[in-house]
Amino acid sequence: MTDPARNTLPLPGYDHLPIGGPESRIRSLSAGEVEEILVHERSHADRFPVTELLTARLERLRAGAEPTSGDPGAPRPEQGAGRTGSPVSPATSPQPFSPPPHGTPDRFGKPKGDRT
């Protein structure tokens, strides 16, 4: 069952943010909004680094700090349209090299010489 509070949190998609995700996003939130997220975090995932971050930000706001720039709806880097897959292709692969001295399944290794 979906929790309706998840759709009303001040940070869109909060439950899908990685641990480092909220840090830059909470800067623009008021003390009440940070407290709302903190209550949600404690009652759901209760991730220690996130609760510490939220608690510290809430204390700073209550001590007189003002919300600063930050965009709660900023695109999440984990959902970016970055490159996926390997950048290696046949065009960028190195040329084949000689087989290792111990051989390969289709080529026998060469003896090292007379060892005494």
Protein backbone atom coordinates (compact mmCIF):
# COMPACT_ATOMS: atom_id res chain seq x y z
CA MET A 1 0.00 0.00 0.00
CA THR A 2 1.34 3.43 -0.91
CA ASP A 3 1.88 5.97 1.86
CA PRO A 4 0.05 9.20 0.87
CA ALA A 5 2.62 11.26 2.82
CA ARG A 6 5.27 10.28 0.27
CA ASN A 7 3.49 12.32 -2.40
CA THR A 8 3.30 15.43 -0.20
CA LEU A 9 6.92 15.60 1.01
CA PRO A 10 8.77 18.84 0.22
CA LEU A 11 11.35 16.91 -1.84
CA PRO A 12 9.86 15.13 -4.86
CA GLY A 13 10.96 11.50 -5.06
CA TYR A 14 12.61 11.66 -1.62
CA ASP A 15 12.26 7.93 -0.98
CA HIS A 16 14.31 7.16 -4.07
CA LEU A 17 17.23 9.46 -3.26
CA PRO A 18 20.53 7.80 -2.37
CA ILE A 19 22.11 8.68 0.99
CA GLY A 20 23.98 11.67 -0.44
CA GLY A 21 21.00 12.91 -2.44
CA PRO A 22 19.19 15.10 0.11
CA GLU A 23 22.23 17.18 1.11
CA SER A 24 22.07 19.82 -1.62
CA ARG A 25 18.31 19.65 -1.93
CA ILE A 26 17.45 20.52 1.68
CA ARG A 27 19.28 23.87 1.60
CA SER A 28 16.27 25.68 0.17
CA LEU A 29 13.77 24.18 2.62
CA SER A 30 12.33 25.87 5.69
CA ALA A 31 12.71 24.45 9.19
CA GLY A 32 9.18 23.04 9.04
CA GLU A 33 9.86 21.27 5.74
CA VAL A 34 13.14 19.81 6.99
CA GLU A 35 11.37 18.63 10.14
CA GLU A 36 8.66 16.98 8.01
CA ILE A 37 11.31 15.07 6.05
CA LEU A 38 13.13 14.13 9.27
CA VAL A 39 9.95 12.67 10.77
CA HIS A 40 9.33 10.74 7.54
CA GLU A 41 12.93 9.46 7.46
CA ARG A 42 12.83 8.29 11.07
CA SER A 43 9.56 6.45 10.55
CA HIS A 44 10.65 4.77 7.32
CA ALA A 45 14.27 4.04 6.34
CA ASP A 46 15.86 5.68 9.41
CA ARG A 47 19.27 5.94 7.73
CA PHE A 48 21.71 7.29 10.31
CA PRO A 49 23.74 9.55 7.96
CA VAL A 50 20.54 11.08 6.58
CA THR A 51 18.97 11.68 10.00
CA GLU A 52 22.24 13.30 11.16
CA LEU A 53 22.25 15.55 8.09
CA LEU A 54 18.62 16.55 8.55
CA THR A 55 19.03 17.12 12.30
CA ALA A 56 22.10 19.32 11.77
CA ARG A 57 20.31 21.38 9.09
CA LEU A 58 17.24 21.75 11.30
CA GLU A 59 19.41 22.97 14.21
CA ARG A 60 21.11 25.54 11.96
CA LEU A 61 17.75 26.81 10.69
CA ARG A 62 16.38 27.08 14.22
CA ALA A 63 19.54 28.98 15.25
CA GLY A 64 18.78 31.63 12.63
CA ALA A 65 20.22 30.31 9.38
CA GLU A 66 18.22 31.15 6.30
CA PRO A 67 17.34 28.76 3.50
CA THR A 68 19.81 29.19 0.66
CA SER A 69 19.92 28.27 -2.98
CA GLY A 70 19.04 24.74 -3.82
CA ASP A 71 16.37 23.16 -5.92
CA PRO A 72 14.18 20.48 -4.30
CA GLY A 73 13.10 19.37 -7.75
CA ALA A 74 16.59 19.26 -9.26
CA PRO A 75 17.23 16.31 -11.53
CA ARG A 76 18.76 13.46 -9.62
CA PRO A 77 22.19 12.41 -10.92
CA GLU A 78 21.23 8.79 -10.51
CA GLN A 79 18.52 9.31 -13.14
CA GLY A 80 20.62 11.35 -15.55
CA ALA A 81 20.90 10.52 -19.20
CA GLY A 82 24.54 9.63 -18.80
CA ARG A 83 26.40 7.03 -20.77
CA THR A 84 25.60 3.46 -20.11
CA GLY A 85 27.57 0.39 -20.98
CA SER A 86 31.21 0.03 -21.80
CA PRO A 87 32.98 2.71 -23.84
CA VAL A 88 35.10 -0.04 -25.44
CA SER A 89 34.18 -1.06 -28.96
CA PRO A 90 36.00 -3.03 -31.64
CA ALA A 91 37.23 0.31 -33.03
CA THR A 92 38.81 1.28 -29.70
CA SER A 93 40.07 -2.15 -28.66
CA PRO A 94 43.82 -2.82 -28.73
CA GLN A 95 45.37 -5.04 -31.36
CA PRO A 96 45.75 -8.71 -30.40
CA PHE A 97 49.06 -9.61 -28.79
CA SER A 98 51.09 -12.77 -28.57
CA PRO A 99 49.69 -15.52 -26.34
CA PRO A 100 50.94 -15.79 -22.78
CA PRO A 101 53.99 -18.04 -22.19
CA HIS A 102 51.88 -20.70 -20.50
CA GLY A 103 49.81 -21.10 -23.67
CA THR A 104 46.15 -20.97 -24.54
CA PRO A 105 43.67 -23.77 -25.21
CA ASP A 106 44.55 -23.78 -28.90
CA ARG A 107 48.32 -23.11 -28.53
CA PHE A 108 50.75 -24.89 -26.27
CA GLY A 109 53.13 -22.95 -24.06
CA LYS A 110 56.80 -22.73 -24.93
CA PRO A 111 59.40 -24.17 -22.58
CA LYS A 112 61.52 -21.62 -20.73
CA GLY A 113 64.72 -23.46 -21.47
CA ASP A 114 67.04 -25.49 -19.33
CA ARG A 115 66.43 -24.70 -15.65
CA THR A 116 68.72 -26.18 -13.08
